[in-house]
Amino acid sequence: MAADDQRFISGRQAGKLLLVSLVVEDDTVTLEAPGMEEGVKFNLQDVQNNNKVVDFRMWKQPLKGVDCGDEVGEWLTKVLFNGETKVRLLFKGNVMQRRTIPPLGYNFPQYRSTDRLYYADCTGYMLATESSLEDLNTRLPFPITMNNFRPNIVVKGSPAYDEDDWAFIRIGSAVFRTLKPCNRCVMTTVNPQTGERYPNQEPLRTLRSYRLLSNPPELAKSWSTSPVFGLSLVIDTTGPIAVGDKVLVARLSTNPHLKIF
């Protein structure tokens, strides 16, 4: 977050945040970034024991976190803003309770009042497929990678955009529910290798040419400049998942009682 007004900071405001790597070993966190001779380390247990609780806001929701200390704050200030905008790094610790999903601007049928998350924008899981990325790359003036879309679940073997038809997804023993398609923002226009914006608002510009919703009208109007790519998921049944697991889906097209709009 910004130290002066406690606003949260993402790659939208600081593209270089996408270049920061994070490794956790036991309770020790190490951050590194290109161009920095040294990384920075801090201990999560020490952070928790210091218990410097900070209030901040994300999408107008009041949240809490535990400040991770001056050293990592100064390091991130240099990496993200060349020392000009002071930032602080927060850890949820035991002070941040899981929050409700923020208002989505539409009454999505698969939303449940019991859905929760910590610091993510709207859901803790985002799924994308390799075939959809491959199709997009045939339309772009230059290829991009899946890192532009930041999914934490990637599926291969399905037709391009087949995920539009998936209402529930089972991977291993875990069951995910599609809350909504993922409407994309300017974060996708940041090159994950450089932290700089691509020219001409790509890939958003190309996605807008064929991935804008036309129905329902209310949502199409709200997302008039936000094309969809991938799925925002919530979890109904927890369990381990692993690379190589089979993916089973319940389809909207064969289950007319299921709707995501």
Protein backbone atom coordinates (compact mmCIF):
# COMPACT_ATOMS: atom_id res chain seq x y z
CA MET A 1 0.00 0.00 0.00
CA ALA A 2 1.02 3.66 -0.33
CA ALA A 3 2.41 4.87 2.98
CA ASP A 4 0.85 8.33 2.79
CA ASP A 5 -2.83 7.54 2.20
CA GLN A 6 -3.07 3.74 2.73
CA ARG A 7 -4.38 3.06 -0.79
CA PHE A 8 -3.64 -0.40 -2.08
CA ILE A 9 -1.18 -0.74 -4.95
CA SER A 10 -1.28 -3.37 -7.69
CA GLY A 11 0.40 -3.84 -11.05
CA ARG A 12 -2.13 -1.41 -12.49
CA GLN A 13 -0.34 1.46 -10.77
CA ALA A 14 3.12 -0.11 -10.53
CA GLY A 15 3.96 -2.37 -13.45
CA LYS A 16 7.32 -3.27 -11.93
CA LEU A 17 5.45 -5.14 -9.21
CA LEU A 18 5.04 -7.92 -11.78
CA LEU A 19 8.83 -8.35 -11.82
CA VAL A 20 9.12 -8.99 -8.07
CA SER A 21 9.65 -12.66 -7.22
CA LEU A 22 8.71 -14.12 -3.87
CA VAL A 23 10.02 -17.27 -2.16
CA VAL A 24 8.73 -18.59 1.17
CA GLU A 25 10.82 -21.08 3.14
CA ASP A 26 9.35 -21.95 6.51
CA ASP A 27 8.62 -18.49 7.96
CA THR A 28 11.21 -16.60 5.90
CA VAL A 29 10.10 -14.58 2.89
CA THR A 30 12.62 -13.44 0.26
CA LEU A 31 11.81 -10.82 -2.38
CA GLU A 32 14.01 -10.25 -5.42
CA ALA A 33 13.73 -8.08 -8.53
CA PRO A 34 15.79 -7.41 -11.68
CA GLY A 35 18.10 -4.45 -11.30
CA MET A 36 18.44 -4.83 -7.54
CA GLU A 37 21.83 -6.15 -6.45
CA GLU A 38 20.32 -7.65 -3.33
CA GLY A 39 16.91 -8.95 -2.39
CA VAL A 40 15.26 -8.46 0.95
CA LYS A 41 14.22 -10.96 3.60
CA PHE A 42 11.86 -10.86 6.53
CA ASN A 43 10.43 -13.39 8.96
CA LEU A 44 6.67 -13.77 9.13
CA GLN A 45 6.73 -14.83 12.77
CA ASP A 46 8.69 -11.70 13.66
CA VAL A 47 6.17 -9.62 11.71
CA GLN A 48 3.34 -11.27 13.59
CA ASN A 49 5.03 -10.76 16.96
CA ASN A 50 5.65 -7.06 16.23
CA ASN A 51 1.93 -6.81 15.48
CA LYS A 52 1.98 -3.37 13.84
CA VAL A 53 -1.60 -3.43 12.56
CA VAL A 54 -2.50 -1.11 9.69
CA ASP A 55 -5.93 -0.17 8.35
CA PHE A 56 -6.29 0.36 4.61
CA ARG A 57 -8.94 0.22 1.90
CA MET A 58 -9.33 -1.96 -1.17
CA TRP A 59 -12.16 -1.14 -3.57
CA LYS A 60 -13.70 0.98 -0.79
CA GLN A 61 -13.73 -1.96 1.64
CA PRO A 62 -11.94 -1.39 4.98
CA LEU A 63 -9.24 -4.05 5.51
CA LYS A 64 -6.41 -4.76 7.93
CA GLY A 65 -2.88 -6.09 7.69
CA VAL A 66 0.33 -6.38 9.68
CA ASP A 67 3.19 -4.16 8.50
CA CYS A 68 6.19 -6.22 7.37
CA GLY A 69 8.74 -3.62 8.43
CA ASP A 70 10.89 -0.72 7.27
CA GLU A 71 13.51 -2.71 5.36
CA VAL A 72 11.10 -4.38 2.94
CA GLY A 73 9.07 -1.16 2.66
CA GLU A 74 12.15 0.81 1.62
CA TRP A 75 13.24 -1.93 -0.79
CA LEU A 76 9.84 -1.97 -2.53
CA THR A 77 9.81 1.84 -2.63
CA LYS A 78 13.03 1.72 -4.68
CA VAL A 79 11.87 -1.11 -6.95
CA LEU A 80 8.40 0.22 -7.73
CA PHE A 81 8.81 3.99 -7.71
CA ASN A 82 12.55 4.71 -7.69
CA GLY A 83 12.20 5.93 -4.10
CA GLU A 84 9.64 8.61 -4.95
CA THR A 85 6.43 7.06 -3.55
CA LYS A 86 6.86 5.35 -0.21
CA VAL A 87 5.11 2.00 0.14
CA ARG A 88 4.52 -0.56 2.87
CA LEU A 89 4.06 -4.32 2.54
CA LEU A 90 1.28 -5.90 4.58
CA PHE A 91 0.72 -9.49 5.70
CA LYS A 92 -2.74 -10.76 6.62
CA GLY A 93 -1.39 -12.43 9.76
CA ASN A 94 -4.18 -13.19 12.21
CA VAL A 95 -5.72 -9.71 12.03
CA MET A 96 -7.31 -10.00 8.58
CA GLN A 97 -10.51 -11.99 8.56
CA ARG A 98 -11.72 -13.34 5.25
CA ARG A 99 -13.89 -10.66 3.69
CA THR A 100 -17.02 -10.88 1.58
CA ILE A 101 -16.69 -10.51 -2.16
CA PRO A 102 -16.97 -6.80 -2.99
CA PRO A 103 -19.99 -5.55 -4.98
CA LEU A 104 -19.77 -6.84 -8.54
CA GLY A 105 -22.29 -4.52 -10.18
CA TYR A 106 -24.51 -7.41 -11.25
CA ASN A 107 -26.55 -10.11 -9.51
CA PHE A 108 -24.61 -13.19 -10.59
CA PRO A 109 -26.77 -16.31 -9.99
CA GLN A 110 -23.89 -18.44 -8.68
CA TYR A 111 -22.82 -15.90 -6.07
CA ARG A 112 -23.33 -17.02 -2.46
CA SER A 113 -23.25 -14.79 0.59
CA THR A 114 -20.86 -17.26 2.25
CA ASP A 115 -18.16 -16.74 -0.44
CA ARG A 116 -15.01 -15.25 1.12
CA LEU A 117 -11.51 -14.11 0.20
CA TYR A 118 -8.55 -12.19 1.63
CA TYR A 119 -6.78 -9.64 -0.59
CA ALA A 120 -7.75 -10.74 -4.11
CA ASP A 121 -9.91 -8.42 -6.22
CA CYS A 122 -13.01 -10.61 -6.31
CA THR A 123 -12.13 -14.32 -6.11
CA GLY A 124 -9.19 -16.38 -4.95
CA TYR A 125 -9.05 -18.58 -8.07
CA MET A 126 -8.76 -17.71 -11.76
CA LEU A 127 -8.77 -20.32 -14.50
CA ALA A 128 -7.62 -19.92 -18.09
CA THR A 129 -6.98 -22.39 -20.91
CA GLU A 130 -3.98 -22.84 -23.18
CA SER A 131 -6.19 -23.17 -26.27
CA SER A 132 -7.83 -19.78 -25.69
CA LEU A 133 -4.42 -18.15 -25.35
CA GLU A 134 -3.26 -19.87 -28.54
CA ASP A 135 -6.30 -18.53 -30.39
CA LEU A 136 -5.72 -15.01 -29.05
CA ASN A 137 -2.10 -15.12 -30.17
CA THR A 138 -3.20 -15.82 -33.76
CA ARG A 139 -5.04 -12.48 -33.68
CA LEU A 140 -2.43 -10.31 -31.94
CA PRO A 141 0.35 -8.38 -33.69
CA PHE A 142 2.81 -10.10 -31.30
CA PRO A 143 2.46 -13.17 -29.05
CA ILE A 144 1.96 -12.90 -25.31
CA THR A 145 2.20 -15.47 -22.52
CA MET A 146 -0.25 -16.76 -19.96
CA ASN A 147 1.49 -14.56 -17.37
CA ASN A 148 -0.37 -11.60 -18.85
CA PHE A 149 -3.57 -13.03 -17.38
CA ARG A 150 -2.15 -14.35 -14.07
CA PRO A 151 -4.31 -17.47 -13.63
CA ASN A 152 -3.48 -19.84 -10.82
CA ILE A 153 -5.14 -22.74 -12.69
CA VAL A 154 -4.30 -23.44 -16.35
CA VAL A 155 -6.12 -26.16 -18.31
CA LYS A 156 -5.02 -27.76 -21.57
CA GLY A 157 -6.81 -30.07 -23.97
CA SER A 158 -10.10 -28.19 -24.33
CA PRO A 159 -11.25 -26.24 -27.40
CA ALA A 160 -10.65 -22.49 -27.37
CA TYR A 161 -13.15 -20.66 -25.13
CA ASP A 162 -14.85 -23.90 -24.16
CA GLU A 163 -14.53 -22.63 -20.59
CA ASP A 164 -17.35 -20.18 -21.33
CA ASP A 165 -19.63 -23.20 -20.90
CA TRP A 166 -18.26 -24.42 -17.56
CA ALA A 167 -20.44 -23.88 -14.49
CA PHE A 168 -18.56 -26.20 -12.10
CA ILE A 169 -15.06 -27.62 -12.35
CA ARG A 170 -13.66 -30.62 -10.49
CA ILE A 171 -9.90 -31.11 -10.26
CA GLY A 172 -8.79 -33.98 -8.05
CA SER A 173 -11.15 -33.86 -5.08
CA ALA A 174 -11.56 -30.06 -5.24
CA VAL A 175 -14.75 -28.58 -6.71
CA PHE A 176 -14.83 -25.00 -8.02
CA ARG A 177 -17.87 -22.93 -8.91
CA THR A 178 -17.78 -20.34 -11.69
CA LEU A 179 -18.82 -17.03 -10.22
CA LYS A 180 -18.40 -15.12 -13.47
CA PRO A 181 -16.22 -14.81 -16.55
CA CYS A 182 -13.14 -12.76 -15.79
CA ASN A 183 -13.59 -9.26 -17.23
CA ARG A 184 -10.14 -8.01 -18.07
CA CYS A 185 -8.54 -4.67 -17.22
CA VAL A 186 -5.38 -2.69 -18.01
CA MET A 187 -3.28 -5.14 -15.98
CA THR A 188 -3.22 -7.38 -19.06
CA THR A 189 -1.43 -4.62 -21.01
CA VAL A 190 1.65 -4.77 -18.76
CA ASN A 191 4.47 -6.87 -20.18
CA PRO A 192 5.31 -9.33 -17.36
CA GLN A 193 8.92 -9.50 -18.55
CA THR A 194 9.57 -5.74 -18.41
CA GLY A 195 6.85 -4.17 -16.26
CA GLU A 196 6.15 -1.71 -19.10
CA ARG A 197 2.91 -1.26 -21.06
CA TYR A 198 2.55 -2.84 -24.48
CA PRO A 199 1.80 -0.44 -27.36
CA ASN A 200 -1.79 0.24 -28.45
CA GLN A 201 -3.37 -1.23 -25.30
CA GLU A 202 -2.74 -4.80 -26.46
CA PRO A 203 -4.00 -7.41 -25.80
CA LEU A 204 -7.11 -5.54 -24.58
CA ARG A 205 -7.62 -3.87 -27.94
CA THR A 206 -7.73 -7.18 -29.80
CA LEU A 207 -9.84 -8.90 -27.13
CA ARG A 208 -12.39 -6.10 -27.42
CA SER A 209 -12.82 -6.96 -31.10
CA TYR A 210 -14.34 -10.35 -30.33
CA ARG A 211 -14.64 -11.04 -26.57
CA LEU A 212 -17.04 -8.33 -25.37
CA LEU A 213 -20.33 -9.60 -23.97
CA SER A 214 -23.54 -8.88 -25.89
CA ASN A 215 -25.86 -10.37 -23.27
CA PRO A 216 -27.27 -9.84 -20.74
CA PRO A 217 -27.70 -6.17 -21.76
CA GLU A 218 -27.12 -4.80 -18.25
CA LEU A 219 -23.80 -6.59 -17.91
CA ALA A 220 -22.80 -5.88 -21.51
CA LYS A 221 -23.24 -2.18 -20.79
CA SER A 222 -21.28 -2.35 -17.54
CA TRP A 223 -18.45 -4.28 -19.22
CA SER A 224 -18.59 -2.34 -22.49
CA THR A 225 -14.79 -1.93 -22.55
CA SER A 226 -13.89 -5.03 -20.51
CA PRO A 227 -13.54 -8.17 -22.65
CA VAL A 228 -13.71 -11.56 -20.94
CA PHE A 229 -10.91 -14.10 -20.79
CA GLY A 230 -10.85 -16.94 -18.28
CA LEU A 231 -13.09 -17.65 -15.30
CA SER A 232 -13.29 -16.20 -11.79
CA LEU A 233 -13.87 -19.17 -9.49
CA VAL A 234 -14.84 -19.78 -5.89
CA ILE A 235 -14.32 -23.08 -4.12
CA ASP A 236 -17.09 -25.35 -2.81
CA THR A 237 -15.07 -28.43 -1.85
CA THR A 238 -11.44 -28.10 -0.82
CA GLY A 239 -8.77 -30.63 -1.67
CA PRO A 240 -5.31 -30.98 -3.21
CA ILE A 241 -4.82 -30.40 -6.94
CA ALA A 242 -1.70 -31.14 -8.96
CA VAL A 243 -0.24 -30.63 -12.40
CA GLY A 244 -1.54 -33.39 -14.67
CA ASP A 245 -4.89 -33.86 -12.89
CA LYS A 246 -7.91 -34.53 -15.06
CA VAL A 247 -10.47 -31.74 -15.22
CA LEU A 248 -14.18 -32.58 -15.10
CA VAL A 249 -16.81 -29.95 -15.80
CA ALA A 250 -20.56 -29.43 -15.44
CA ARG A 251 -21.71 -27.56 -18.53
CA LEU A 252 -24.21 -24.76 -18.78
CA SER A 253 -25.34 -26.07 -22.16
CA THR A 254 -26.31 -29.50 -20.82
CA ASN A 255 -27.62 -28.28 -17.45
CA PRO A 256 -30.21 -25.61 -18.26
CA HIS A 257 -30.97 -25.06 -14.57
CA LEU A 258 -27.43 -23.69 -14.13
CA LYS A 259 -26.74 -20.08 -15.05
CA ILE A 260 -23.82 -17.69 -14.53
CA PHE A 261 -25.65 -14.61 -15.89
